[in-house]
């Protein structure tokens, strides 16, 4: 049986979400600082690409990550949010949206780990 790296992946995702949450908090704290440029953390998909982990499709019935109907939505920050008169690029609305995304990332991460943990416990009980 091959190794399952789900817990390592969940740990990396949680660490990434923590860094992103701290970055958003720093942006919000500097919302009134003249000339402050809002910081952003690179997307987790880019972090994941650097780890060289690949999805393994062990059954033809498994979903493919490159399914033809799978689309991603990307908002262009330059067009969607404005810069204030003092040169500050922090938009509190945008930071609240990002904070909600981080909250969702933590919730998803917790749900996946909990489900995987239950599955591992169920497999051990049945042995």
Protein backbone atom coordinates (compact mmCIF):
# COMPACT_ATOMS: atom_id res chain seq x y z
CA UNK A 1 0.00 0.00 0.00
CA UNK A 2 1.28 3.46 -0.90
CA UNK A 3 1.76 6.18 1.69
CA UNK A 4 -1.08 8.59 2.23
CA UNK A 5 0.09 12.17 2.54
CA UNK A 6 -3.28 13.64 3.43
CA UNK A 7 -2.30 14.66 6.96
CA UNK A 8 0.90 16.31 5.66
CA UNK A 9 -1.11 18.11 3.01
CA UNK A 10 -3.67 19.23 5.59
CA UNK A 11 -0.87 20.48 7.83
CA UNK A 12 0.66 22.50 4.98
CA UNK A 13 -2.75 23.90 4.06
CA UNK A 14 -3.40 24.90 7.67
CA UNK A 15 0.01 26.62 7.90
CA UNK A 16 -0.68 28.46 4.64
CA UNK A 17 -4.10 29.58 5.90
CA UNK A 18 -2.51 30.83 9.13
CA UNK A 19 0.01 32.92 7.20
CA UNK A 20 -2.74 34.30 4.96
CA UNK A 21 -4.88 35.14 8.00
CA UNK A 22 -1.95 37.01 9.60
CA UNK A 23 -1.35 38.89 6.33
CA UNK A 24 -5.00 39.93 6.13
CA UNK A 25 -4.92 41.05 9.77
CA UNK A 26 -1.84 43.16 9.00
CA UNK A 27 -3.60 44.72 6.02
CA UNK A 28 -6.63 45.58 8.15
CA UNK A 29 -4.42 47.01 10.91
CA UNK A 30 -2.80 49.33 8.35
CA UNK A 31 -6.02 50.34 6.59
CA UNK A 32 -5.51 54.01 7.56
CA UNK A 33 -1.74 54.14 7.05
CA UNK A 34 -0.93 56.52 4.18
CA UNK A 35 0.94 54.84 1.32
CA UNK A 36 0.55 51.32 2.74
CA UNK A 37 0.41 48.66 0.02
CA UNK A 38 -1.84 45.70 0.80
CA UNK A 39 0.10 42.43 1.01
CA UNK A 40 -1.07 39.09 -0.32
CA UNK A 41 0.07 35.51 0.13
CA UNK A 42 0.67 33.35 -2.91
CA UNK A 43 -2.23 30.95 -3.60
CA UNK A 44 -2.10 27.51 -2.01
CA UNK A 45 -2.16 25.93 -5.47
CA UNK A 46 1.22 27.56 -6.18
CA UNK A 47 2.54 26.31 -2.83
CA UNK A 48 1.22 22.85 -3.64
CA UNK A 49 2.92 22.91 -7.05
CA UNK A 50 6.26 23.43 -5.29
CA UNK A 51 5.78 20.30 -3.14
CA UNK A 52 5.61 18.04 -6.20
CA UNK A 53 2.68 16.05 -4.85
CA UNK A 54 0.50 14.61 -7.57
CA UNK A 55 -3.03 13.30 -7.49
CA UNK A 56 -3.30 9.58 -8.01
CA UNK A 57 -6.35 8.36 -9.86
CA UNK A 58 -6.54 4.71 -8.84
CA UNK A 59 -9.95 4.04 -10.33
CA UNK A 60 -11.57 5.23 -13.55
CA UNK A 61 -14.65 6.22 -11.54
CA UNK A 62 -12.66 8.78 -9.53
CA UNK A 63 -13.12 12.41 -10.47
CA UNK A 64 -10.43 14.04 -12.52
CA UNK A 65 -9.09 17.42 -11.39
CA UNK A 66 -8.93 18.53 -15.01
CA UNK A 67 -12.55 17.73 -15.79
CA UNK A 68 -13.92 19.69 -18.75
CA UNK A 69 -16.65 21.34 -16.66
CA UNK A 70 -14.34 22.44 -13.86
CA UNK A 71 -13.80 26.17 -14.06
CA UNK A 72 -12.07 28.57 -11.73
CA UNK A 73 -13.06 32.13 -11.02
CA UNK A 74 -10.38 34.75 -10.52
CA UNK A 75 -11.05 38.34 -9.56
CA UNK A 76 -8.58 40.89 -10.83
CA UNK A 77 -7.65 43.04 -7.84
CA UNK A 78 -6.71 46.03 -9.99
CA UNK A 79 -10.15 46.27 -11.58
CA UNK A 80 -12.29 45.27 -8.63
CA UNK A 81 -10.99 47.49 -5.81
CA UNK A 82 -9.94 51.10 -5.74
CA UNK A 83 -6.94 52.91 -4.27
CA UNK A 84 -7.67 55.68 -1.77
CA UNK A 85 -6.48 59.27 -2.08
CA UNK A 86 -3.56 58.76 0.32
CA UNK A 87 -2.10 55.93 -1.80
CA UNK A 88 -3.28 53.17 0.53
CA UNK A 89 -4.38 50.06 -1.36
CA UNK A 90 -6.22 48.37 1.51
CA UNK A 91 -9.92 47.88 0.90
CA UNK A 92 -11.66 46.72 4.06
CA UNK A 93 -14.39 45.09 1.99
CA UNK A 94 -11.80 43.11 0.05
CA UNK A 95 -10.00 42.10 3.25
CA UNK A 96 -13.28 40.89 4.78
CA UNK A 97 -13.93 38.77 1.68
CA UNK A 98 -10.43 37.32 1.97
CA UNK A 99 -10.90 36.68 5.71
CA UNK A 100 -14.07 34.77 4.88
CA UNK A 101 -12.14 32.70 2.31
CA UNK A 102 -9.56 31.84 4.99
CA UNK A 103 -12.31 30.86 7.40
CA UNK A 104 -13.73 28.57 4.73
CA UNK A 105 -10.27 27.10 4.12
CA UNK A 106 -9.88 26.28 7.82
CA UNK A 107 -13.37 24.74 7.92
CA UNK A 108 -12.71 22.63 4.82
CA UNK A 109 -9.35 21.52 6.17
CA UNK A 110 -10.87 20.50 9.50
CA UNK A 111 -13.70 18.61 7.80
CA UNK A 112 -11.34 16.68 5.55
CA UNK A 113 -9.02 15.70 8.40
CA UNK A 114 -11.98 14.70 10.60
CA UNK A 115 -13.46 12.55 7.81
CA UNK A 116 -10.13 10.91 7.04
CA UNK A 117 -9.53 10.25 10.73
CA UNK A 118 -12.95 8.57 11.01
CA UNK A 119 -12.17 6.47 7.95
CA UNK A 120 -8.83 5.34 9.41
CA UNK A 121 -10.48 4.48 12.74
CA UNK A 122 -13.23 2.54 10.97
CA UNK A 123 -10.68 0.54 9.00
CA UNK A 124 -8.72 -0.29 12.17
CA UNK A 125 -11.88 -1.42 14.00
CA UNK A 126 -12.82 -3.77 11.18
CA UNK A 127 -9.45 -5.50 11.08
